[in-house]
C-alpha atoms as a PDB file:
ATOM      1  CA  UNK A   1       0.000   0.000   0.000  1.00  0.00           C
ATOM      2  CA  UNK A   2       2.776   2.430   0.945  1.00  0.00           C
ATOM      3  CA  UNK A   3       4.656   1.455  -2.203  1.00  0.00           C
ATOM      4  CA  UNK A   4       1.665   2.298  -4.404  1.00  0.00           C
ATOM      5  CA  UNK A   5       1.237   5.690  -2.766  1.00  0.00           C
ATOM      6  CA  UNK A   6       4.950   6.437  -3.017  1.00  0.00           C
ATOM      7  CA  UNK A   7       5.026   5.438  -6.690  1.00  0.00           C
ATOM      8  CA  UNK A   8       1.977   7.572  -7.445  1.00  0.00           C
ATOM      9  CA  UNK A   9       3.536  10.533  -5.689  1.00  0.00           C
ATOM     10  CA  UNK A  10       6.863  10.074  -7.503  1.00  0.00           C
ATOM     11  CA  UNK A  11       5.057   9.776 -10.831  1.00  0.00           C
ATOM     12  CA  UNK A  12       3.202  13.012 -10.125  1.00  0.00           C
ATOM     13  CA  UNK A  13       6.423  14.796  -9.211  1.00  0.00           C
ATOM     14  CA  UNK A  14       8.251  13.478 -12.286  1.00  0.00           C
ATOM     15  CA  UNK A  15       5.420  14.421 -14.616  1.00  0.00           C
ATOM     16  CA  UNK A  16       5.163  17.898 -13.165  1.00  0.00           C
ATOM     17  CA  UNK A  17       8.930  18.457 -13.323  1.00  0.00           C
ATOM     18  CA  UNK A  18       9.560  16.952 -16.775  1.00  0.00           C
ATOM     19  CA  UNK A  19       8.084  19.785 -18.745  1.00  0.00           C
ATOM     20  CA  UNK A  20       8.661  23.276 -17.587  1.00  0.00           C
ATOM     21  CA  UNK A  21       5.418  24.222 -19.251  1.00  0.00           C
ATOM     22  CA  UNK A  22       2.044  24.440 -17.573  1.00  0.00           C
ATOM     23  CA  UNK A  23      -1.331  24.277 -19.235  1.00  0.00           C
ATOM     24  CA  UNK A  24      -3.933  26.790 -18.121  1.00  0.00           C
ATOM     25  CA  UNK A  25      -7.620  26.907 -18.964  1.00  0.00           C
ATOM     26  CA  UNK A  26      -9.107  30.326 -18.398  1.00  0.00           C
ATOM     27  CA  UNK A  27     -12.626  31.062 -17.245  1.00  0.00           C
ATOM     28  CA  UNK A  28     -13.694  31.760 -20.829  1.00  0.00           C
ATOM     29  CA  UNK A  29     -12.554  28.226 -21.813  1.00  0.00           C
ATOM     30  CA  UNK A  30      -9.392  29.047 -23.748  1.00  0.00           C
ATOM     31  CA  UNK A  31      -6.379  26.741 -23.365  1.00  0.00           C
ATOM     32  CA  UNK A  32      -2.961  28.335 -22.921  1.00  0.00           C
ATOM     33  CA  UNK A  33       0.470  26.878 -22.323  1.00  0.00           C
ATOM     34  CA  UNK A  34       2.757  28.869 -20.059  1.00  0.00           C
ATOM     35  CA  UNK A  35       6.518  28.379 -20.379  1.00  0.00           C
ATOM     36  CA  UNK A  36       8.349  30.656 -17.967  1.00  0.00           C
ATOM     37  CA  UNK A  37       6.957  34.131 -18.654  1.00  0.00           C
ATOM     38  CA  UNK A  38       5.798  33.323 -22.213  1.00  0.00           C
ATOM     39  CA  UNK A  39       2.258  32.300 -23.070  1.00  0.00           C
ATOM     40  CA  UNK A  40       1.427  30.017 -26.004  1.00  0.00           C
ATOM     41  CA  UNK A  41      -1.842  29.070 -27.659  1.00  0.00           C
ATOM     42  CA  UNK A  42      -1.813  26.225 -30.200  1.00  0.00           C
ATOM     43  CA  UNK A  43       2.027  26.259 -30.199  1.00  0.00           C
ATOM     44  CA  UNK A  44       2.067  29.956 -31.162  1.00  0.00           C
ATOM     45  CA  UNK A  45       3.428  32.562 -28.790  1.00  0.00           C
ATOM     46  CA  UNK A  46       0.662  35.021 -27.889  1.00  0.00           C
ATOM     47  CA  UNK A  47       2.299  36.819 -24.954  1.00  0.00           C
ATOM     48  CA  UNK A  48       2.544  40.177 -26.729  1.00  0.00           C
ATOM     49  CA  UNK A  49      -0.955  40.017 -28.220  1.00  0.00           C
ATOM     50  CA  UNK A  50      -2.674  39.531 -24.821  1.00  0.00           C
ATOM     51  CA  UNK A  51      -3.718  42.431 -22.665  1.00  0.00           C
ATOM     52  CA  UNK A  52      -2.116  42.831 -19.257  1.00  0.00           C
ATOM     53  CA  UNK A  53      -5.454  41.827 -17.648  1.00  0.00           C
ATOM     54  CA  UNK A  54      -5.556  38.593 -19.654  1.00  0.00           C
ATOM     55  CA  UNK A  55      -1.927  37.868 -18.789  1.00  0.00           C
ATOM     56  CA  UNK A  56      -2.497  38.461 -15.092  1.00  0.00           C
ATOM     57  CA  UNK A  57      -5.656  36.324 -15.259  1.00  0.00           C
ATOM     58  CA  UNK A  58      -3.683  33.453 -16.837  1.00  0.00           C
ATOM     59  CA  UNK A  59      -0.830  33.753 -14.325  1.00  0.00           C
ATOM     60  CA  UNK A  60      -3.274  34.046 -11.391  1.00  0.00           C
ATOM     61  CA  UNK A  61      -5.132  30.953 -12.582  1.00  0.00           C
ATOM     62  CA  UNK A  62      -1.839  29.103 -12.902  1.00  0.00           C
ATOM     63  CA  UNK A  63      -0.694  30.246  -9.432  1.00  0.00           C
ATOM     64  CA  UNK A  64      -3.968  29.135  -7.858  1.00  0.00           C
ATOM     65  CA  UNK A  65      -3.715  25.724  -9.498  1.00  0.00           C
ATOM     66  CA  UNK A  66      -0.092  25.278  -8.421  1.00  0.00           C
ATOM     67  CA  UNK A  67      -0.983  26.297  -4.855  1.00  0.00           C
ATOM     68  CA  UNK A  68      -3.872  23.826  -4.866  1.00  0.00           C
ATOM     69  CA  UNK A  69      -1.534  21.074  -6.130  1.00  0.00           C
ATOM     70  CA  UNK A  70       0.983  21.935  -3.429  1.00  0.00           C
ATOM     71  CA  UNK A  71      -1.737  21.810  -0.768  1.00  0.00           C
ATOM     72  CA  UNK A  72      -2.956  18.478  -2.099  1.00  0.00           C
ATOM     73  CA  UNK A  73       0.596  17.146  -1.981  1.00  0.00           C
ATOM     74  CA  UNK A  74       0.976  18.310   1.635  1.00  0.00           C
ATOM     75  CA  UNK A  75      -2.320  16.676   2.561  1.00  0.00           C
ATOM     76  CA  UNK A  76      -1.176  13.522   0.796  1.00  0.00           C
ATOM     77  CA  UNK A  77       2.001  13.503   2.901  1.00  0.00           C
ATOM     78  CA  UNK A  78      -0.051  14.009   6.067  1.00  0.00           C
ATOM     79  CA  UNK A  79      -2.314  11.133   5.074  1.00  0.00           C
ATOM     80  CA  UNK A  80       0.692   8.924   4.405  1.00  0.00           C
ATOM     81  CA  UNK A  81       2.147   9.736   7.824  1.00  0.00           C
ATOM     82  CA  UNK A  82      -1.207   9.055   9.466  1.00  0.00           C
ATOM     83  CA  UNK A  83      -1.493   5.785   7.581  1.00  0.00           C
ATOM     84  CA  UNK A  84       2.002   4.765   8.721  1.00  0.00           C
ATOM     85  CA  UNK A  85       1.082   5.663  12.303  1.00  0.00           C
ATOM     86  CA  UNK A  86      -2.109   3.594  12.078  1.00  0.00           C
ATOM     87  CA  UNK A  87      -0.261   0.643  10.559  1.00  0.00           C
ATOM     88  CA  UNK A  88       2.295   0.798  13.370  1.00  0.00           C
ATOM     89  CA  UNK A  89      -0.476   0.925  15.969  1.00  0.00           C
ATOM     90  CA  UNK A  90      -2.142  -2.025  14.272  1.00  0.00           C
ATOM     91  CA  UNK A  91       1.105  -4.032  14.354  1.00  0.00           C
ATOM     92  CA  UNK A  92       1.578  -3.208  18.038  1.00  0.00           C
ATOM     93  CA  UNK A  93      -2.015  -4.179  18.810  1.00  0.00           C
ATOM     94  CA  UNK A  94      -1.507  -7.458  16.973  1.00  0.00           C
ATOM     95  CA  UNK A  95       1.650  -8.164  18.990  1.00  0.00           C
ATOM     96  CA  UNK A  96      -0.218  -7.403  22.222  1.00  0.00           C
ATOM     97  CA  UNK A  97      -3.067  -9.658  21.198  1.00  0.00           C
ATOM     98  CA  UNK A  98      -0.675 -12.487  20.357  1.00  0.00           C
ATOM     99  CA  UNK A  99       1.047 -12.030  23.716  1.00  0.00           C
ATOM    100  CA  UNK A 100      -2.283 -12.099  25.555  1.00  0.00           C
ATOM    101  CA  UNK A 101      -3.379 -15.189  23.644  1.00  0.00           C
ATOM    102  CA  UNK A 102      -0.100 -16.894  24.546  1.00  0.00           C
ATOM    103  CA  UNK A 103      -0.540 -15.979  28.222  1.00  0.00           C
ATOM    104  CA  UNK A 104      -4.112 -17.246  28.170  1.00  0.00           C
ATOM    105  CA  UNK A 105      -2.963 -20.488  26.592  1.00  0.00           C
ATOM    106  CA  UNK A 106      -0.297 -20.889  29.299  1.00  0.00           C
ATOM    107  CA  UNK A 107      -2.876 -20.189  32.016  1.00  0.00           C
ATOM    108  CA  UNK A 108      -5.263 -22.735  30.548  1.00  0.00           C
ATOM    109  CA  UNK A 109      -2.476 -25.293  30.275  1.00  0.00           C
ATOM    110  CA  UNK A 110      -1.442 -24.696  33.917  1.00  0.00           C
ATOM    111  CA  UNK A 111      -5.086 -24.896  35.019  1.00  0.00           C
ATOM    112  CA  UNK A 112      -5.543 -28.185  33.190  1.00  0.00           C
ATOM    113  CA  UNK A 113      -2.383 -29.614  34.771  1.00  0.00           C
ATOM    114  CA  UNK A 114      -3.618 -28.531  38.204  1.00  0.00           C
ATOM    115  CA  UNK A 115      -7.057 -30.052  37.661  1.00  0.00           C
ATOM    116  CA  UNK A 116      -5.547 -33.265  36.281  1.00  0.00           C
ATOM    117  CA  UNK A 117      -3.217 -33.591  39.282  1.00  0.00           C
ATOM    118  CA  UNK A 118      -6.118 -32.952  41.667  1.00  0.00           C
ATOM    119  CA  UNK A 119      -8.259 -35.553  39.907  1.00  0.00           C
ATOM    120  CA  UNK A 120      -5.428 -38.072  39.957  1.00  0.00           C
ATOM    121  CA  UNK A 121      -5.053 -37.579  43.732  1.00  0.00           C
ATOM    122  CA  UNK A 122      -8.804 -37.882  44.240  1.00  0.00           C
ATOM    123  CA  UNK A 123      -8.978 -41.050  42.122  1.00  0.00           C
ATOM    124  CA  UNK A 124      -6.018 -42.551  43.988  1.00  0.00           C
ATOM    125  CA  UNK A 125      -7.748 -41.865  47.338  1.00  0.00           C
ATOM    126  CA  UNK A 126     -10.961 -43.493  46.130  1.00  0.00           C
ATOM    127  CA  UNK A 127      -9.058 -46.549  44.947  1.00  0.00           C
ATOM    128  CA  UNK A 128      -7.154 -46.710  48.235  1.00  0.00           C
ATOM    129  CA  UNK A 129     -10.362 -46.419  50.296  1.00  0.00           C
ATOM    130  CA  UNK A 130     -12.121 -49.057  48.216  1.00  0.00           C
ATOM    131  CA  UNK A 131      -9.246 -51.530  48.536  1.00  0.00           C
ATOM    132  CA  UNK A 132      -8.844 -50.756  52.236  1.00  0.00           C
ATOM    133  CA  UNK A 133     -12.543 -51.516  52.873  1.00  0.00           C
ATOM    134  CA  UNK A 134     -12.268 -54.796  51.002  1.00  0.00           C
ATOM    135  CA  UNK A 135      -9.180 -55.689  53.021  1.00  0.00           C
ATOM    136  CA  UNK A 136      -6.976 -56.137  49.990  1.00  0.00           C
ATOM    137  CA  UNK A 137      -4.095 -53.989  51.302  1.00  0.00           C
ATOM    138  CA  UNK A 138      -1.139 -55.326  53.208  1.00  0.00           C
ATOM    139  CA  UNK A 139       0.934 -53.107  55.532  1.00  0.00           C
ATOM    140  CA  UNK A 140       3.561 -52.808  52.772  1.00  0.00           C
ATOM    141  CA  UNK A 141       0.850 -51.738  50.294  1.00  0.00           C
ATOM    142  CA  UNK A 142      -0.377 -49.086  52.734  1.00  0.00           C
ATOM    143  CA  UNK A 143       3.164 -47.681  52.947  1.00  0.00           C
ATOM    144  CA  UNK A 144       3.414 -47.649  49.149  1.00  0.00           C
ATOM    145  CA  UNK A 145       0.083 -45.831  48.965  1.00  0.00           C
ATOM    146  CA  UNK A 146       1.265 -43.248  51.499  1.00  0.00           C
ATOM    147  CA  UNK A 147       4.369 -42.583  49.392  1.00  0.00           C
ATOM    148  CA  UNK A 148       2.181 -42.295  46.306  1.00  0.00           C
ATOM    149  CA  UNK A 149      -0.139 -39.829  48.115  1.00  0.00           C
ATOM    150  CA  UNK A 150       2.832 -37.676  49.127  1.00  0.00           C
ATOM    151  CA  UNK A 151       4.040 -37.529  45.518  1.00  0.00           C
ATOM    152  CA  UNK A 152       0.553 -36.705  44.264  1.00  0.00           C
ATOM    153  CA  UNK A 153       0.084 -34.013  46.945  1.00  0.00           C
ATOM    154  CA  UNK A 154       3.409 -32.455  45.896  1.00  0.00           C
ATOM    155  CA  UNK A 155       2.291 -32.534  42.286  1.00  0.00           C
ATOM    156  CA  UNK A 156      -1.012 -30.860  43.180  1.00  0.00           C
ATOM    157  CA  UNK A 157       0.816 -28.265  45.266  1.00  0.00           C
ATOM    158  CA  UNK A 158       3.340 -27.522  42.498  1.00  0.00           C
ATOM    159  CA  UNK A 159       0.723 -27.264  39.753  1.00  0.00           C
ATOM    160  CA  UNK A 160      -1.497 -25.112  41.971  1.00  0.00           C
ATOM    161  CA  UNK A 161       1.409 -22.763  42.675  1.00  0.00           C
ATOM    162  CA  UNK A 162       2.256 -22.538  38.962  1.00  0.00           C
ATOM    163  CA  UNK A 163      -1.395 -21.869  38.109  1.00  0.00           C
ATOM    164  CA  UNK A 164      -1.789 -19.146  40.747  1.00  0.00           C
ATOM    165  CA  UNK A 165       1.488 -17.572  39.630  1.00  0.00           C
ATOM    166  CA  UNK A 166       0.032 -17.042  36.160  1.00  0.00           C
ATOM    167  CA  UNK A 167      -3.223 -15.485  37.391  1.00  0.00           C
END
C-alpha cells in the first residue's frame, strides 16, 4: 500500500517536473500553455498580443492551481504519515493480542495440569479407600500408597502454585 502511494507521488512529481510548461484553462474556456513568462496558444506565442489583464488572469489561474496542487501534496504527505502511524499501531495491537493469547494459553495449560493432578489424587484416594474396605491392602501396600499420596500431593501443590502464579 505504501509502495503504491509512493510510486503515485513520484510519478506526479516526475510528470510535473519533466516539462517546464504548464497548461492553463481560463474562465472563458481558452487553453494556454505557459513556459516561464511566455504564453502560447496552439504552439504559437501570444504573450505580446494579450492584454495585461488577460496575462495576469492566466498567471493568477496558474498560481492558484499550483498552490492547490501543493496543498494536495501536503495533505497527501499528512495522510501517508497518518497511515504509517495507524499501521504501526495495528502491528503493536496485533503483537499485544498475540502475547495475551499466549498468556491465556499458558494459564489454561497450567489450570488443566492442576485439575488433572487434583483428579489423579482424588482417584487414587478413592481406589485406596475401596481396597482398604475390602481388606486387599497389606501393611507394605499401605506404605506404598502413602508414598504415592505424598508424591501426588506435591504434584497438586506444584501445579497449583504454577497456576496461581500465572493469574
